[in-house]
Amino acid sequence: MAKIQFLKGFSEIQLSNPENLMQTLRKHNIPVASSCGGEGICGKCQVKVINGEVNLSAKRKLESDCLIRNGVHEKNVRLSCQCTVMGDVQVDTNYW
């Protein structure tokens, strides 16, 4: 069992199976910015991974290219639409 924790404002989410981060956040009524609907194009759904980055799926080229295109160079920033939670993580965004 995995859990998603937050620095501020939201209760922990428990997962029994690996799940897409963006879909899970939305399912639990946690706002996620996006104009592309989770296609990995707009880059608005960025989250900063505070702890547990190794428990997310590996970055694929689509995600890496989008982050570079948006001027993001921090290694701990991920697109929530492009990663799967497979273990405990703690995330934050600047809009929560």
Protein backbone atom coordinates (compact mmCIF):
# COMPACT_ATOMS: atom_id res chain seq x y z
CA MET A 1 0.00 0.00 0.00
CA ALA A 2 1.27 3.46 -0.94
CA LYS A 3 0.33 6.91 0.28
CA ILE A 4 0.44 10.41 -1.12
CA GLN A 5 1.19 13.11 1.44
CA PHE A 6 1.07 16.89 1.10
CA LEU A 7 2.99 19.74 2.72
CA LYS A 8 -0.17 21.75 3.22
CA GLY A 9 -3.91 21.69 3.03
CA PHE A 10 -4.88 18.12 2.16
CA SER A 11 -5.30 14.80 3.93
CA GLU A 12 -3.11 11.87 3.04
CA ILE A 13 -4.36 9.59 0.24
CA GLN A 14 -3.96 5.81 0.57
CA LEU A 15 -3.48 3.73 -2.59
CA SER A 16 -3.82 -0.03 -2.85
CA ASN A 17 -2.52 -0.20 -6.45
CA PRO A 18 -0.23 1.95 -8.61
CA GLU A 19 -2.18 4.93 -9.97
CA ASN A 20 -1.60 7.95 -12.17
CA LEU A 21 -0.87 10.92 -9.90
CA MET A 22 -3.09 13.46 -11.68
CA GLN A 23 -6.07 11.12 -11.88
CA THR A 24 -5.73 10.21 -8.22
CA LEU A 25 -5.52 13.84 -7.09
CA ARG A 26 -8.62 14.76 -9.12
CA LYS A 27 -10.50 11.71 -7.84
CA HIS A 28 -9.91 13.06 -4.31
CA ASN A 29 -11.03 16.59 -5.27
CA ILE A 30 -7.54 18.05 -5.15
CA PRO A 31 -7.16 20.70 -7.85
CA VAL A 32 -4.64 20.06 -10.60
CA ALA A 33 -3.88 22.72 -13.21
CA SER A 34 -4.10 21.50 -16.79
CA SER A 35 -5.19 22.78 -20.17
CA CYS A 36 -4.22 19.69 -22.19
CA GLY A 37 -6.31 17.21 -20.20
CA GLY A 38 -3.35 15.15 -19.08
CA GLU A 39 -1.64 14.66 -22.44
CA GLY A 40 1.76 15.89 -21.20
CA ILE A 41 1.73 18.95 -23.44
CA CYS A 42 0.90 22.05 -21.38
CA GLY A 43 3.12 21.44 -18.34
CA LYS A 44 0.68 23.10 -15.94
CA CYS A 45 0.22 20.03 -13.74
CA GLN A 46 3.74 20.25 -12.33
CA VAL A 47 4.27 19.02 -8.80
CA LYS A 48 7.38 19.27 -6.69
CA VAL A 49 8.28 15.90 -5.20
CA ILE A 50 9.41 16.59 -1.64
CA ASN A 51 10.04 12.94 -0.69
CA GLY A 52 9.80 9.59 -2.43
CA GLU A 53 10.71 10.45 -6.02
CA VAL A 54 12.03 6.90 -6.44
CA ASN A 55 8.45 5.70 -5.87
CA LEU A 56 7.22 7.35 -9.08
CA SER A 57 7.50 5.88 -12.55
CA ALA A 58 10.53 6.96 -14.56
CA LYS A 59 10.38 10.13 -16.67
CA ARG A 60 9.72 9.45 -20.31
CA LYS A 61 10.83 11.65 -23.19
CA LEU A 62 7.42 13.37 -23.51
CA GLU A 63 7.58 14.55 -19.90
CA SER A 64 11.23 15.58 -20.04
CA ASP A 65 10.69 17.52 -23.26
CA CYS A 66 7.66 19.33 -21.81
CA LEU A 67 9.52 20.33 -18.66
CA ILE A 68 12.48 21.62 -20.69
CA ARG A 69 10.14 23.52 -23.02
CA ASN A 70 8.60 25.18 -19.94
CA GLY A 71 11.99 26.13 -18.50
CA VAL A 72 11.88 23.66 -15.62
CA HIS A 73 15.27 22.22 -14.74
CA GLU A 74 14.78 21.00 -11.15
CA LYS A 75 15.06 17.22 -11.01
CA ASN A 76 12.34 16.88 -8.37
CA VAL A 77 9.59 18.46 -10.52
CA ARG A 78 7.24 16.07 -12.30
CA LEU A 79 4.16 16.34 -14.46
CA SER A 80 1.40 14.73 -12.44
CA CYS A 81 -0.28 13.51 -15.63
CA GLN A 82 2.79 11.56 -16.68
CA CYS A 83 3.77 9.71 -13.52
CA THR A 84 2.45 6.68 -11.71
CA VAL A 85 2.60 6.46 -7.92
CA MET A 86 4.06 3.09 -6.91
CA GLY A 87 5.06 3.86 -3.32
CA ASP A 88 4.98 6.63 -0.70
CA VAL A 89 5.45 10.17 -2.00
CA GLN A 90 5.09 13.69 -0.65
CA VAL A 91 4.21 16.41 -3.15
CA ASP A 92 3.50 20.13 -3.28
CA THR A 93 2.65 22.80 -5.86
CA ASN A 94 2.80 26.58 -5.79
CA TYR A 95 -0.98 26.85 -6.32
CA TRP A 96 -2.20 24.79 -3.33
